Amino acid sequence: MWMNLLASIDYIAVLFAAIAGMVLGAVWYLPGVFGTAWRGALGNERWNHPDPRQAVIVRALATGITAFSLAVLVAGAGVTTLAGSLRLGLVVGVGIVAPTIIADYHFSGRRWTLTGLTAAHRIVHIVLMSCVLGAFNQYT
C-alpha cells in the first residue's frame, strides 16, 4: 500500500510546491508586507539568527518535508481536483497547523500579533502548497 502511494506522488509537483512555499515566505516577511509588523511583534526577542544561511537551509528542508507530506495526504485522500486540494489545505492549515501554533505561542507568552502573523502565514503556506499539488494532479 505505501509503495503504491509513494509511486503515485508527482515529485516534480512536490518540488514546485516547496518552491512556492519558499517564495511565499520570502514575500510574506518583506518589510512592505508583514515583515515590519512581524519584527515589531517579536518585541525584545528580535530575530537575529547567528547564521541566516543556515536558517534558510533549515526552512527549505522543512518546507520540502511539508510539501512531500501534503502530497502523501493528497494522494492518500484521492484528491484529484484543485478544489479538493484547496479544501484539504484549509483543513490542514486551519484545523491542524494554526491551532498548534496558537497553543504553543500562547503557552510561551508570545504576543498575539506575532501569533496571528505566524498562524496566518502557515495557513496560506499550507493552502498554497496544497493547491500547487492539486493543480499538478488536475492538469497532468
Protein backbone atom coordinates (compact mmCIF):
# COMPACT_ATOMS: atom_id res chain seq x y z
CA MET A 1 0.00 0.00 0.00
CA TRP A 2 2.71 2.52 0.98
CA MET A 3 4.72 1.70 -2.11
CA ASN A 4 1.69 2.34 -4.32
CA LEU A 5 1.02 5.59 -2.51
CA LEU A 6 4.63 6.76 -2.85
CA ALA A 7 4.66 5.75 -6.51
CA SER A 8 1.56 7.88 -7.16
CA ILE A 9 3.20 11.08 -5.93
CA ASP A 10 4.32 13.58 -8.55
CA TYR A 11 7.73 14.58 -7.21
CA ILE A 12 8.01 17.48 -9.66
CA ALA A 13 4.80 18.83 -8.14
CA VAL A 14 6.35 18.41 -4.68
CA LEU A 15 9.37 20.45 -5.83
CA PHE A 16 7.14 23.21 -7.25
CA ALA A 17 5.00 23.24 -4.10
CA ALA A 18 8.13 23.62 -1.95
CA ILE A 19 9.40 26.44 -4.16
CA ALA A 20 6.01 28.17 -3.94
CA GLY A 21 6.15 27.86 -0.14
CA MET A 22 9.63 29.36 -0.01
CA VAL A 23 8.65 32.25 -2.29
CA LEU A 24 5.57 32.93 -0.18
CA GLY A 25 7.72 33.08 2.97
CA ALA A 26 10.20 35.43 1.30
CA VAL A 27 7.39 37.77 0.21
CA TRP A 28 5.35 37.47 3.43
CA TYR A 29 8.22 38.65 5.60
CA LEU A 30 9.29 41.57 3.38
CA PRO A 31 9.22 44.92 5.23
CA GLY A 32 6.46 46.24 2.95
CA VAL A 33 4.24 43.21 3.50
CA PHE A 34 4.28 41.75 7.06
CA GLY A 35 7.99 41.85 7.85
CA THR A 36 7.92 45.11 9.78
CA ALA A 37 4.88 44.04 11.80
CA TRP A 38 6.48 40.64 12.48
CA ARG A 39 9.73 42.20 13.71
CA GLY A 40 7.80 44.63 15.88
CA ALA A 41 5.72 41.79 17.31
CA LEU A 42 8.90 39.93 18.29
CA GLY A 43 9.50 42.69 20.83
CA ASN A 44 12.61 42.01 22.89
CA GLU A 45 13.16 38.66 21.13
CA ARG A 46 14.46 40.34 17.95
CA TRP A 47 15.25 37.83 15.21
CA ASN A 48 18.99 37.67 14.97
CA HIS A 49 19.97 34.23 13.76
CA PRO A 50 23.75 33.70 14.04
CA ASP A 51 23.82 32.19 10.53
CA PRO A 52 20.99 33.37 8.23
CA ARG A 53 22.12 30.90 5.54
CA GLN A 54 21.59 28.05 7.97
CA ALA A 55 18.14 29.41 8.80
CA VAL A 56 17.24 29.43 5.08
CA ILE A 57 18.55 25.88 4.60
CA VAL A 58 16.54 24.60 7.56
CA ARG A 59 13.45 26.44 6.26
CA ALA A 60 13.95 24.92 2.79
CA LEU A 61 14.25 21.42 4.23
CA ALA A 62 11.20 21.90 6.44
CA THR A 63 9.20 23.28 3.51
CA GLY A 64 10.23 20.33 1.35
CA ILE A 65 9.12 17.89 4.04
CA THR A 66 5.82 19.74 4.36
CA ALA A 67 5.27 19.66 0.59
CA PHE A 68 6.03 15.94 0.47
CA SER A 69 3.71 15.26 3.43
CA LEU A 70 0.93 17.22 1.77
CA ALA A 71 1.48 15.20 -1.41
CA VAL A 72 1.06 12.00 0.63
CA LEU A 73 -2.18 13.37 2.09
CA VAL A 74 -3.44 14.47 -1.34
CA ALA A 75 -2.66 11.07 -2.86
CA GLY A 76 -3.95 9.13 0.14
CA ALA A 77 -7.20 11.08 0.19
CA GLY A 78 -7.65 10.57 -3.54
CA VAL A 79 -7.83 14.30 -4.19
CA THR A 80 -7.72 14.92 -7.94
CA THR A 81 -9.00 18.48 -8.30
CA LEU A 82 -7.79 21.93 -7.43
CA ALA A 83 -10.95 22.49 -5.35
CA GLY A 84 -10.29 19.29 -3.41
CA SER A 85 -6.71 20.38 -2.75
CA LEU A 86 -7.92 23.76 -1.56
CA ARG A 87 -10.28 22.07 0.91
CA LEU A 88 -7.56 19.70 2.11
CA GLY A 89 -5.14 22.62 2.54
CA LEU A 90 -7.70 24.55 4.56
CA VAL A 91 -8.41 21.57 6.81
CA VAL A 92 -4.70 21.00 7.45
CA GLY A 93 -3.85 24.71 7.78
CA VAL A 94 -6.83 25.90 9.81
CA GLY A 95 -7.58 22.64 11.60
CA ILE A 96 -4.12 21.31 12.46
CA VAL A 97 -1.27 23.75 11.90
CA ALA A 98 -2.77 27.05 13.11
CA PRO A 99 -4.21 25.69 16.38
CA THR A 100 -0.84 24.15 17.21
CA ILE A 101 0.93 27.45 16.60
CA ILE A 102 -1.68 29.35 18.61
CA ALA A 103 -1.41 26.97 21.56
CA ASP A 104 2.41 26.92 21.53
CA TYR A 105 2.78 30.68 21.15
CA HIS A 106 0.16 31.43 23.81
CA PHE A 107 1.76 28.96 26.23
CA SER A 108 5.18 30.57 25.72
CA GLY A 109 3.75 34.05 26.29
CA ARG A 110 4.29 35.39 22.80
CA ARG A 111 2.35 38.41 21.62
CA TRP A 112 -0.97 37.85 19.87
CA THR A 113 0.22 39.87 16.86
CA LEU A 114 3.17 37.53 16.41
CA THR A 115 0.91 34.53 16.88
CA GLY A 116 -1.60 35.81 14.34
CA LEU A 117 1.01 36.69 11.73
CA THR A 118 2.70 33.32 12.08
CA ALA A 119 -0.53 31.31 12.06
CA ALA A 120 -1.87 33.23 9.06
CA HIS A 121 1.39 32.67 7.18
CA ARG A 122 1.25 28.95 7.89
CA ILE A 123 -2.37 28.67 6.76
CA VAL A 124 -1.64 30.45 3.48
CA HIS A 125 1.61 28.44 3.15
CA ILE A 126 -0.21 25.09 3.50
CA VAL A 127 -3.11 26.11 1.26
CA LEU A 128 -0.77 27.41 -1.45
CA MET A 129 1.35 24.26 -1.48
CA SER A 130 -1.74 22.05 -1.45
CA CYS A 131 -3.18 23.99 -4.39
CA VAL A 132 0.06 23.64 -6.36
CA LEU A 133 -0.10 19.88 -5.79
CA GLY A 134 -3.77 19.87 -6.80
CA ALA A 135 -3.08 21.86 -9.94
CA PHE A 136 -0.50 19.29 -11.00
CA ASN A 137 -2.99 16.48 -10.29
CA GLN A 138 -5.77 18.21 -12.22
CA TYR A 139 -3.75 19.24 -15.27
CA THR A 140 -1.44 16.25 -15.74
